Amino acid sequence: MSGVKEVFLGANGYFKNDEIMWLDKMLTKYSNKKVVIFQHFPLIDSKVYGHNLYKKDDYLKVLSKHNNVIAIVSGHYHENLEVKENNIYHIVTQNFTNNMSYKLITIDDETNEIYTFLISKNKNFE
């Protein structure tokens, strides 16, 4: 999902109606599959004024019609944040460049449980 707004400036994301309708269509088409959505702008609210989505209710209405979305992975807030709402795990990650770790996400296919681990970028893997 894009969430990029082209008309007005600001740190808020905005999912246009055609994008929301596309999401609804894809979630219907793949209703028998588990879905993870990747997007820049989180659906969960930020503690920072002016960073929350514009008109996110339309997006939430589409999600409430489907039960196949298990996670939404996003960034934008530049902090690590994880919240489970309405059986959807919202995972917000820091930006990769300006911090010392990255997030590893594991999904248990049988239980739909999601585990996240912060991994130091300085760790040597062999």
Protein backbone atom coordinates (compact mmCIF):
# COMPACT_ATOMS: atom_id res chain seq x y z
CA MET A 1 0.00 0.00 0.00
CA SER A 2 1.34 3.40 -0.90
CA GLY A 3 -0.35 6.04 1.25
CA VAL A 4 1.55 8.80 -0.51
CA LYS A 5 -0.43 11.99 -0.87
CA GLU A 6 0.26 14.16 -3.87
CA VAL A 7 -1.85 17.24 -3.22
CA PHE A 8 -1.21 18.39 0.33
CA LEU A 9 2.02 18.47 2.32
CA GLY A 10 2.73 17.07 5.76
CA ALA A 11 3.96 14.02 7.60
CA ASN A 12 0.58 12.27 7.46
CA GLY A 13 -0.17 9.45 5.05
CA TYR A 14 -3.38 9.21 3.07
CA PHE A 15 -4.75 6.13 1.31
CA LYS A 16 -6.84 7.25 -1.68
CA ASN A 17 -10.21 5.67 -2.45
CA ASP A 18 -8.90 3.77 -5.49
CA GLU A 19 -6.12 2.28 -3.35
CA ILE A 20 -8.60 1.27 -0.64
CA MET A 21 -10.89 -0.32 -3.28
CA TRP A 22 -7.88 -2.20 -4.74
CA LEU A 23 -7.02 -3.52 -1.27
CA ASP A 24 -10.60 -4.71 -0.76
CA LYS A 25 -10.52 -6.47 -4.14
CA MET A 26 -7.17 -8.18 -3.42
CA LEU A 27 -8.22 -9.30 0.07
CA THR A 28 -11.37 -10.78 -1.45
CA LYS A 29 -9.45 -12.46 -4.26
CA TYR A 30 -6.99 -14.02 -1.80
CA SER A 31 -9.47 -14.66 1.00
CA ASN A 32 -8.11 -18.18 1.49
CA LYS A 33 -4.51 -16.92 1.96
CA LYS A 34 -2.81 -15.28 4.93
CA VAL A 35 -1.86 -11.72 4.06
CA VAL A 36 0.90 -9.44 5.33
CA ILE A 37 0.65 -5.83 4.13
CA PHE A 38 3.76 -3.69 3.76
CA GLN A 39 3.39 0.08 3.70
CA HIS A 40 5.25 3.19 4.77
CA PHE A 41 2.55 4.81 6.92
CA PRO A 42 1.31 2.92 10.01
CA LEU A 43 -2.37 2.52 10.80
CA ILE A 44 -1.73 2.80 14.53
CA ASP A 45 -1.50 6.32 15.90
CA SER A 46 1.77 8.04 16.65
CA LYS A 47 2.59 9.91 19.82
CA VAL A 48 4.03 12.64 17.60
CA TYR A 49 1.50 15.30 16.61
CA GLY A 50 0.84 15.46 12.88
CA HIS A 51 2.04 11.96 11.92
CA ASN A 52 -1.24 10.02 12.01
CA LEU A 53 -3.12 8.99 8.86
CA TYR A 54 -5.78 11.17 7.28
CA LYS A 55 -9.16 9.43 7.02
CA LYS A 56 -7.94 6.01 8.12
CA ASP A 57 -11.51 4.85 8.86
CA ASP A 58 -12.06 3.80 5.23
CA TYR A 59 -8.98 1.56 5.44
CA LEU A 60 -10.13 0.11 8.76
CA LYS A 61 -13.59 -0.65 7.33
CA VAL A 62 -12.01 -2.74 4.58
CA LEU A 63 -9.86 -4.62 7.08
CA SER A 64 -12.91 -5.35 9.24
CA LYS A 65 -14.59 -7.11 6.27
CA HIS A 66 -11.75 -9.62 5.90
CA ASN A 67 -10.08 -12.01 8.29
CA ASN A 68 -7.02 -12.92 6.23
CA VAL A 69 -4.72 -10.02 7.17
CA ILE A 70 -2.41 -11.21 9.94
CA ALA A 71 0.09 -8.32 9.98
CA ILE A 72 0.79 -4.84 8.69
CA VAL A 73 4.47 -3.85 8.58
CA SER A 74 5.32 -0.17 8.30
CA GLY A 75 7.84 2.49 9.20
CA HIS A 76 7.53 6.29 9.17
CA TYR A 77 7.59 6.87 12.95
CA HIS A 78 11.31 6.03 13.21
CA GLU A 79 10.71 3.94 16.31
CA ASN A 80 10.08 0.30 17.11
CA LEU A 81 6.45 -0.22 17.99
CA GLU A 82 4.23 -3.30 18.00
CA VAL A 83 0.51 -3.48 18.70
CA LYS A 84 -2.08 -6.18 18.10
CA GLU A 85 -5.51 -4.77 17.23
CA ASN A 86 -8.48 -6.77 15.94
CA ASN A 87 -6.27 -9.83 15.37
CA ILE A 88 -3.87 -7.85 13.17
CA TYR A 89 -0.30 -7.45 14.35
CA HIS A 90 0.96 -3.93 13.54
CA ILE A 91 4.76 -3.84 13.36
CA VAL A 92 6.44 -0.45 13.03
CA THR A 93 10.18 -0.40 12.43
CA GLN A 94 12.89 2.20 12.74
CA ASN A 95 14.62 3.43 9.66
CA PHE A 96 17.53 1.19 8.73
CA THR A 97 20.19 3.81 8.10
CA ASN A 98 20.26 5.82 11.31
CA ASN A 99 20.08 3.16 13.98
CA MET A 100 22.16 0.24 15.18
CA SER A 101 19.70 -2.60 14.64
CA TYR A 102 17.14 -4.07 12.30
CA LYS A 103 14.07 -6.16 12.97
CA LEU A 104 13.75 -9.84 12.09
CA ILE A 105 10.13 -10.96 11.76
CA THR A 106 9.12 -14.62 11.98
CA ILE A 107 5.59 -15.89 11.37
CA ASP A 108 4.52 -19.31 12.64
CA ASP A 109 2.45 -20.60 9.74
CA GLU A 110 0.38 -22.95 11.88
CA THR A 111 -0.57 -20.58 14.70
CA ASN A 112 -0.19 -17.20 12.94
CA GLU A 113 1.89 -16.10 15.92
CA ILE A 114 4.38 -13.41 14.97
CA TYR A 115 7.74 -12.99 16.67
CA THR A 116 10.07 -10.04 16.22
CA PHE A 117 13.70 -9.71 17.21
CA LEU A 118 15.96 -6.68 17.10
CA ILE A 119 19.30 -7.68 15.61
CA SER A 120 22.39 -5.54 15.98
CA LYS A 121 23.86 -4.44 12.64
CA ASN A 122 27.30 -5.02 14.17
CA LYS A 123 26.69 -8.72 14.83
CA ASN A 124 28.80 -11.07 12.72
CA PHE A 125 26.93 -13.96 11.15
CA GLU A 126 28.79 -17.12 10.23
